[in-house]
C-alpha cells in the first residue's frame, strides 16, 4: 500500500504542472494538486498509525 501511495504522489507532483496549465487554469490546477497530495499524505499517516498503534516507544519504557 505504501508503494501505491508513493507512486500516486509522484504522479501528482510530476503531472500537476501539465494538468493544471492545460485543463483547469494555473491556480485551480495547483489547488487540485495540493488537495490530492494532502489526501495521499493523510492516507499514509493513517496507515502508519494503524500499523504502529500497539508498538511501544523504547524511550518511554526506559524512563519507567
Protein backbone atom coordinates (compact mmCIF):
# COMPACT_ATOMS: atom_id res chain seq x y z
CA UNK A 1 0.00 0.00 0.00
CA UNK A 2 2.87 2.36 0.75
CA UNK A 3 4.24 1.82 -2.74
CA UNK A 4 0.90 2.74 -4.28
CA UNK A 5 0.77 5.95 -2.23
CA UNK A 6 4.34 6.83 -3.24
CA UNK A 7 3.62 6.22 -6.93
CA UNK A 8 0.39 8.22 -6.78
CA UNK A 9 2.18 11.10 -5.06
CA UNK A 10 4.91 11.05 -7.71
CA UNK A 11 2.25 11.12 -10.44
CA UNK A 12 0.60 14.11 -8.76
CA UNK A 13 3.87 16.00 -8.38
CA UNK A 14 5.01 15.29 -11.94
CA UNK A 15 1.60 15.66 -13.55
CA UNK A 16 0.42 18.73 -11.65
CA UNK A 17 2.16 21.31 -13.85
CA UNK A 18 0.91 19.60 -17.02
CA UNK A 19 -2.68 19.10 -15.89
CA UNK A 20 -3.03 22.44 -14.15
CA UNK A 21 -1.98 24.66 -17.03
CA UNK A 22 -3.62 22.66 -19.82
CA UNK A 23 -7.04 21.89 -18.37
CA UNK A 24 -8.27 23.99 -15.47
CA UNK A 25 -6.06 27.05 -15.24
CA UNK A 26 -2.91 27.60 -13.23
CA UNK A 27 -4.32 28.46 -9.79
CA UNK A 28 -7.08 25.87 -9.74
CA UNK A 29 -4.67 23.20 -11.01
CA UNK A 30 -2.29 23.94 -8.15
CA UNK A 31 -5.18 23.71 -5.68
CA UNK A 32 -6.26 20.32 -7.06
CA UNK A 33 -2.67 19.05 -6.90
CA UNK A 34 -2.25 20.25 -3.32
CA UNK A 35 -5.51 18.62 -2.25
CA UNK A 36 -4.53 15.33 -3.87
CA UNK A 37 -1.10 15.42 -2.22
CA UNK A 38 -2.68 16.19 1.16
CA UNK A 39 -5.14 13.31 0.81
CA UNK A 40 -2.32 10.91 -0.09
CA UNK A 41 -0.26 12.10 2.88
CA UNK A 42 -3.28 11.64 5.18
CA UNK A 43 -3.71 8.08 3.88
CA UNK A 44 -0.03 7.41 4.58
CA UNK A 45 -0.37 8.85 8.10
CA UNK A 46 -3.45 6.73 8.88
CA UNK A 47 -1.73 3.56 7.61
CA UNK A 48 1.34 4.30 9.76
CA UNK A 49 -0.85 4.94 12.80
CA UNK A 50 -2.75 1.69 12.35
CA UNK A 51 0.46 -0.27 11.77
CA UNK A 52 2.32 1.08 14.82
CA UNK A 53 -0.63 1.64 17.17
CA UNK A 54 0.40 -1.06 19.64
CA UNK A 55 4.19 -0.75 19.33
CA UNK A 56 5.78 0.58 22.50
CA UNK A 57 8.20 3.51 22.32
CA UNK A 58 11.55 2.39 23.80
CA UNK A 59 12.25 5.93 25.04
CA UNK A 60 9.11 5.90 27.17
CA UNK A 61 9.82 2.42 28.53
CA UNK A 62 13.37 3.49 29.52
CA UNK A 63 12.01 6.27 31.73
CA UNK A 64 9.85 3.95 33.83
